[in-house]
Amino acid sequence: VQLVESGGGLVQAGDSLRLSCAASGLSFGGYTMGWYRQAPGKERELVATINSGRSTNYADSLKGRFIIFRDNAKNTVYLQMNSLKPEDTAVYYCRAGWGDYWGQGTQVTVSS
């Protein structure tokens, strides 16, 4: 299983950014996919998940700003991040299922 994130970068507060996670080596459509993030000095936390039926779940603090969606034809899950804040600065990770399938992470830095 390989998960490759992309789309991170340096943006200003209020900007938007879309992260992508391309998956291979698994039956993508059958997996719950998730985005997590880890800020410096903090534990990794859930951002959002989307299951095989496209039902979504978000961290309460991110509802309304972040949107997770998937394209099963492309084996890709996305995270649309809007109205970014400096506190959104973190490494963002993609995860397949609830086990140990993780991507390498992509850095998102939001400047004030």
Protein backbone atom coordinates (compact mmCIF):
# COMPACT_ATOMS: atom_id res chain seq x y z
CA VAL A 1 0.00 0.00 0.00
CA GLN A 2 1.29 3.43 -0.93
CA LEU A 3 -0.25 6.78 -0.04
CA VAL A 4 1.28 9.91 -1.54
CA GLU A 5 0.14 13.32 -0.35
CA SER A 6 0.63 16.51 -2.29
CA GLY A 7 -0.60 20.08 -2.35
CA GLY A 8 0.93 21.47 0.81
CA GLY A 9 2.79 24.73 0.93
CA LEU A 10 3.11 28.18 2.44
CA VAL A 11 0.00 30.35 2.32
CA GLN A 12 -1.36 33.42 4.05
CA ALA A 13 -4.17 33.49 6.56
CA GLY A 14 -7.51 33.46 4.79
CA ASP A 15 -6.21 31.57 1.76
CA SER A 16 -7.42 28.19 0.55
CA LEU A 17 -5.46 25.05 -0.22
CA ARG A 18 -6.37 21.63 -1.58
CA LEU A 19 -4.45 18.56 -0.51
CA SER A 20 -4.47 15.33 -2.50
CA CYS A 21 -3.65 11.79 -1.49
CA ALA A 22 -3.12 9.26 -4.25
CA ALA A 23 -3.47 5.65 -3.13
CA SER A 24 -2.21 2.46 -4.69
CA GLY A 25 -1.97 -1.17 -3.71
CA LEU A 26 -5.40 -1.40 -2.14
CA SER A 27 -9.05 -1.62 -3.11
CA PHE A 28 -9.48 2.09 -2.64
CA GLY A 29 -13.25 2.27 -2.97
CA GLY A 30 -13.76 -0.03 -0.02
CA TYR A 31 -11.62 1.91 2.42
CA THR A 32 -12.45 4.67 4.82
CA MET A 33 -9.92 7.41 4.06
CA GLY A 34 -8.81 10.02 6.50
CA TRP A 35 -6.78 13.16 6.89
CA TYR A 36 -4.89 13.83 10.09
CA ARG A 37 -2.50 16.55 11.12
CA GLN A 38 0.32 17.04 13.56
CA ALA A 39 1.49 20.44 14.66
CA PRO A 40 4.93 20.97 16.23
CA GLY A 41 4.96 19.74 19.80
CA LYS A 42 1.45 18.31 19.57
CA GLU A 43 -0.05 14.89 19.03
CA ARG A 44 -1.43 13.81 15.69
CA GLU A 45 -5.15 14.60 15.48
CA LEU A 46 -8.04 13.65 13.26
CA VAL A 47 -9.06 16.21 10.66
CA ALA A 48 -11.69 14.35 8.64
CA THR A 49 -12.70 10.95 7.35
CA ILE A 50 -14.82 9.73 4.47
CA ASN A 51 -16.07 6.18 4.23
CA SER A 52 -16.85 3.99 1.25
CA GLY A 53 -20.38 5.36 1.16
CA ARG A 54 -19.00 8.92 1.14
CA SER A 55 -20.27 9.70 4.63
CA THR A 56 -17.97 12.22 6.23
CA ASN A 57 -16.81 13.04 9.72
CA TYR A 58 -14.93 16.14 10.82
CA ALA A 59 -13.16 17.43 13.86
CA ASP A 60 -15.64 19.78 15.49
CA SER A 61 -13.28 22.74 15.29
CA LEU A 62 -12.89 22.36 11.52
CA LYS A 63 -16.50 21.91 10.43
CA GLY A 64 -17.48 24.46 7.84
CA ARG A 65 -13.92 25.28 6.76
CA PHE A 66 -12.54 21.94 5.61
CA ILE A 67 -14.13 19.54 3.15
CA ILE A 68 -13.06 15.96 2.47
CA PHE A 69 -14.07 14.22 -0.72
CA ARG A 70 -12.90 11.33 -2.84
CA ASP A 71 -12.63 10.29 -6.45
CA ASN A 72 -12.67 6.51 -6.57
CA ALA A 73 -11.89 6.49 -10.29
CA LYS A 74 -8.58 8.21 -9.50
CA ASN A 75 -7.94 6.40 -6.20
CA THR A 76 -7.55 9.82 -4.63
CA VAL A 77 -8.89 11.54 -1.56
CA TYR A 78 -8.82 15.31 -1.22
CA LEU A 79 -8.96 17.85 1.56
CA GLN A 80 -10.19 21.30 0.61
CA MET A 81 -9.09 23.77 3.25
CA ASN A 82 -10.66 27.22 3.27
CA SER A 83 -10.16 30.33 5.40
CA LEU A 84 -6.88 28.97 6.66
CA LYS A 85 -5.56 30.16 10.00
CA PRO A 86 -2.03 30.15 11.43
CA GLU A 87 -3.16 27.44 13.86
CA ASP A 88 -3.80 25.17 10.88
CA THR A 89 -0.04 24.97 10.39
CA ALA A 90 0.93 21.30 10.60
CA VAL A 91 2.06 18.28 8.69
CA TYR A 92 -1.02 16.72 7.11
CA TYR A 93 -1.18 12.97 6.73
CA CYS A 94 -3.40 10.70 4.72
CA ARG A 95 -4.53 7.38 6.18
CA ALA A 96 -6.27 4.39 4.66
CA GLY A 97 -8.50 2.44 6.99
CA TRP A 98 -7.86 2.37 10.72
CA GLY A 99 -4.54 0.56 10.79
CA ASP A 100 -1.03 1.45 9.77
CA TYR A 101 -1.45 2.66 6.21
CA TRP A 102 -0.15 6.23 6.33
CA GLY A 103 1.31 8.63 3.82
CA GLN A 104 4.56 10.49 4.38
CA GLY A 105 2.82 13.78 5.08
CA THR A 106 2.74 17.19 3.46
CA GLN A 107 3.61 20.42 5.23
CA VAL A 108 1.06 23.21 5.41
CA THR A 109 2.24 26.52 6.78
CA VAL A 110 -0.13 29.43 7.25
CA SER A 111 1.43 32.80 7.86
CA SER A 112 -0.32 35.68 9.56
